[in-house]
Protein backbone atom coordinates (compact mmCIF):
# COMPACT_ATOMS: atom_id res chain seq x y z
CA MET A 1 87.18 111.57 91.53
CA SER A 2 88.82 110.17 94.63
CA PHE A 3 91.97 111.46 96.24
CA HIS A 4 93.63 110.51 99.50
CA MET A 5 96.48 111.43 101.78
CA HIS A 6 97.87 108.07 102.92
CA LEU A 7 100.27 107.89 105.86
CA ARG A 8 102.34 104.85 106.79
CA ALA A 9 104.55 104.56 109.89
CA VAL A 10 107.82 102.69 109.27
CA PRO A 11 110.62 101.64 111.62
CA ALA A 12 113.46 104.17 111.53
CA GLY A 13 116.08 103.42 108.92
CA GLU A 14 113.86 101.27 106.70
CA VAL A 15 112.64 104.03 104.36
CA ARG A 16 114.51 104.72 101.13
CA ALA A 17 114.24 108.21 99.67
CA ASP A 18 113.84 106.71 96.22
CA ALA A 19 110.66 107.32 94.20
CA VAL A 20 110.56 103.81 92.71
CA TRP A 21 111.02 102.14 96.09
CA LEU A 22 108.45 104.45 97.71
CA GLU A 23 105.94 103.81 94.91
CA THR A 24 106.16 100.05 95.42
CA PHE A 25 106.16 100.28 99.21
CA MET A 26 103.19 102.65 99.40
CA ARG A 27 101.15 100.80 96.73
CA ASP A 28 101.60 97.59 98.74
CA ALA A 29 100.69 99.50 101.91
CA TRP A 30 97.58 100.91 100.22
CA ASP A 31 96.53 97.40 99.19
CA ALA A 32 96.88 96.36 102.87
CA HIS A 33 95.45 99.62 104.23
CA ALA A 34 92.53 98.13 106.16
CA VAL A 35 94.78 95.66 108.00
CA GLU A 36 97.56 98.20 108.57
CA SER A 37 95.07 100.83 109.76
CA ALA A 38 93.64 98.35 112.28
CA ALA A 39 97.22 97.66 113.44
CA GLY A 40 97.78 101.41 113.95
CA VAL A 41 100.60 101.82 111.42
CA SER A 42 98.54 103.44 108.68
CA THR A 43 95.83 106.05 108.29
CA SER A 44 94.36 108.09 105.48
CA ILE A 45 92.13 111.04 104.81
CA GLU A 46 89.97 111.06 101.71
CA LYS A 47 89.53 114.48 100.07
CA ASP A 48 89.51 116.54 103.30
CA PHE A 49 93.24 116.59 104.06
CA GLY A 50 93.47 120.14 102.64
CA VAL A 51 90.78 121.32 105.05
CA VAL A 52 92.61 119.64 107.95
CA GLY A 53 95.84 121.33 106.85
CA GLN A 54 94.10 124.72 106.73
CA LEU A 55 92.68 124.18 110.19
CA HIS A 56 96.11 123.28 111.59
CA SER A 57 97.67 126.36 109.97
CA ALA A 58 95.51 128.52 112.25
CA ALA A 59 97.73 127.36 115.14
CA VAL A 60 100.40 129.83 114.06
CA SER A 61 97.98 132.65 114.96
CA LEU A 62 97.20 131.08 118.33
CA ASP A 63 100.77 130.16 119.27
CA GLU A 64 103.55 132.09 117.55
CA SER A 65 106.16 129.78 119.09
CA ASP A 66 104.70 126.92 117.00
CA GLY A 67 107.25 127.35 114.23
CA GLY A 68 106.46 125.03 111.35
CA SER A 69 105.21 122.03 113.31
CA CYS A 70 101.58 122.75 112.36
CA GLU A 71 102.55 121.86 108.78
CA LEU A 72 104.08 118.49 109.62
CA ALA A 73 100.88 116.48 110.19
CA VAL A 74 99.52 117.01 106.67
CA TYR A 75 101.94 118.57 104.18
CA GLY A 76 105.30 118.99 105.91
CA GLY A 77 108.38 116.85 105.50
CA ARG A 78 111.06 116.07 102.96
CA VAL A 79 109.68 115.83 99.42
CA VAL A 80 110.68 112.99 97.10
CA ASP A 81 109.77 114.08 93.59
CA VAL A 82 108.05 111.64 91.23
CA LEU A 83 108.48 111.87 87.45
CA GLY A 84 109.83 115.40 87.51
CA GLY A 85 106.78 116.74 89.34
CA ARG A 86 104.25 115.24 86.92
CA ARG A 87 102.79 113.19 89.78
CA PRO A 88 102.25 114.07 93.44
CA PRO A 89 105.42 113.62 95.47
CA PHE A 90 105.99 111.35 98.42
CA VAL A 91 106.75 113.14 101.67
CA LEU A 92 109.00 111.75 104.41
CA LEU A 93 109.14 112.62 108.09
CA GLY A 94 112.05 111.43 110.19
CA PRO A 95 111.51 110.31 113.79
CA GLU A 96 112.16 113.80 115.20
CA GLU A 97 109.61 115.36 112.83
CA VAL A 98 107.12 112.63 113.74
CA ARG A 99 107.61 113.55 117.42
CA GLU A 100 107.10 117.24 116.53
CA ALA A 101 103.89 116.44 114.64
CA ALA A 102 102.63 114.33 117.55
CA ALA A 103 103.45 117.09 120.05
CA PHE A 104 101.70 119.67 117.88
CA LEU A 105 98.57 117.53 117.56
CA ASP A 106 98.56 116.86 121.31
CA ARG A 107 98.71 120.54 122.19
CA ALA A 108 96.46 121.77 119.37
CA ASP A 109 93.11 122.82 120.78
CA PHE A 110 90.67 121.67 118.12
CA ASP A 111 87.86 123.89 119.41
CA ALA A 112 90.08 126.99 119.42
CA LEU A 113 91.30 126.21 115.90
CA TRP A 114 87.73 125.65 114.75
CA ALA A 115 86.63 128.93 116.35
CA MET A 116 89.22 130.70 114.19
CA MET A 117 88.72 128.81 110.92
CA GLY A 118 85.42 126.92 111.01
CA ALA A 119 83.24 129.60 109.47
CA ARG A 120 85.67 129.98 106.57
CA LEU A 121 85.98 126.23 106.04
CA ALA A 122 82.20 125.76 106.03
CA GLY A 123 81.43 129.09 104.40
CA PRO A 124 78.92 129.80 101.66
CA GLY A 125 79.33 127.45 98.74
CA SER A 126 80.85 124.65 100.79
CA GLY A 127 77.58 122.72 100.65
CA THR A 128 78.14 121.42 104.16
CA ASP A 129 76.49 122.24 107.47
CA GLU A 130 79.13 123.78 109.78
CA ASP A 131 78.40 121.45 112.72
CA GLU A 132 78.46 118.40 110.45
CA LEU A 133 81.77 119.49 108.93
CA ARG A 134 83.17 120.27 112.38
CA GLN A 135 82.47 116.73 113.62
CA HIS A 136 83.84 115.22 110.42
CA ILE A 137 87.10 117.20 110.61
CA ARG A 138 87.39 116.53 114.36
CA GLY A 139 87.36 112.81 113.51
CA HIS A 140 90.29 113.28 111.11
CA HIS A 141 92.16 115.36 113.70
CA VAL A 142 91.66 112.71 116.40
CA ARG A 143 92.77 109.88 114.07
CA LEU A 144 95.91 111.84 113.13
CA GLN A 145 96.62 112.44 116.84
CA GLY A 146 96.48 108.72 117.55
CA PHE A 147 98.50 107.77 114.50
CA TYR A 148 101.31 110.25 115.19
CA ARG A 149 101.33 109.42 118.92
CA ARG A 150 101.86 105.72 118.18
CA ALA A 151 104.49 106.42 115.51
CA ALA A 152 106.37 108.83 117.80
CA ALA A 153 106.27 106.43 120.75
CA ALA A 154 107.79 103.71 118.55
CA GLY A 155 110.46 106.05 117.11
CA TYR A 156 109.09 105.51 113.61
CA GLU A 157 109.38 107.52 110.44
CA VAL A 158 106.29 108.41 108.40
CA VAL A 159 105.81 108.20 104.65
CA LYS A 160 103.00 110.19 103.04
CA ALA A 161 101.53 109.47 99.63
CA PHE A 162 98.97 111.63 97.91
CA TRP A 163 96.88 109.40 95.65
CA TYR A 164 94.80 111.04 92.89
């Protein structure tokens, strides 16, 4: 089974907090994902977004002033429910939250976060070599950094879809 977290940057004011509109917009964006990703307005993480979210949550232990910004890159934002919760919601970040997510990712020390969480993320039963997983998750972290940096610099909003 495949599942993805799909992020799409959108000019401020163009997003509608309407499940039907978001479904159409994000399905079209998913169909154009390769082109949009190359243009820097889209990115996705297949299967591992939960691991990335867990890694980022360790930032609260490292920096108590972080508040909730460690949540913004993966799960945080305003939820738009779909079919009464029978399908994964869409999640919206306004321009200020996008800037917060970008700032968090820029200051997050991947190696320090990995030192805190890596052994748990690649623990017994994970079926993955810790160094291999570390490099894989670092790649996701770096792609998210670039995506949020570009979106923040442009003053964009971000729409997240969780496709299962």
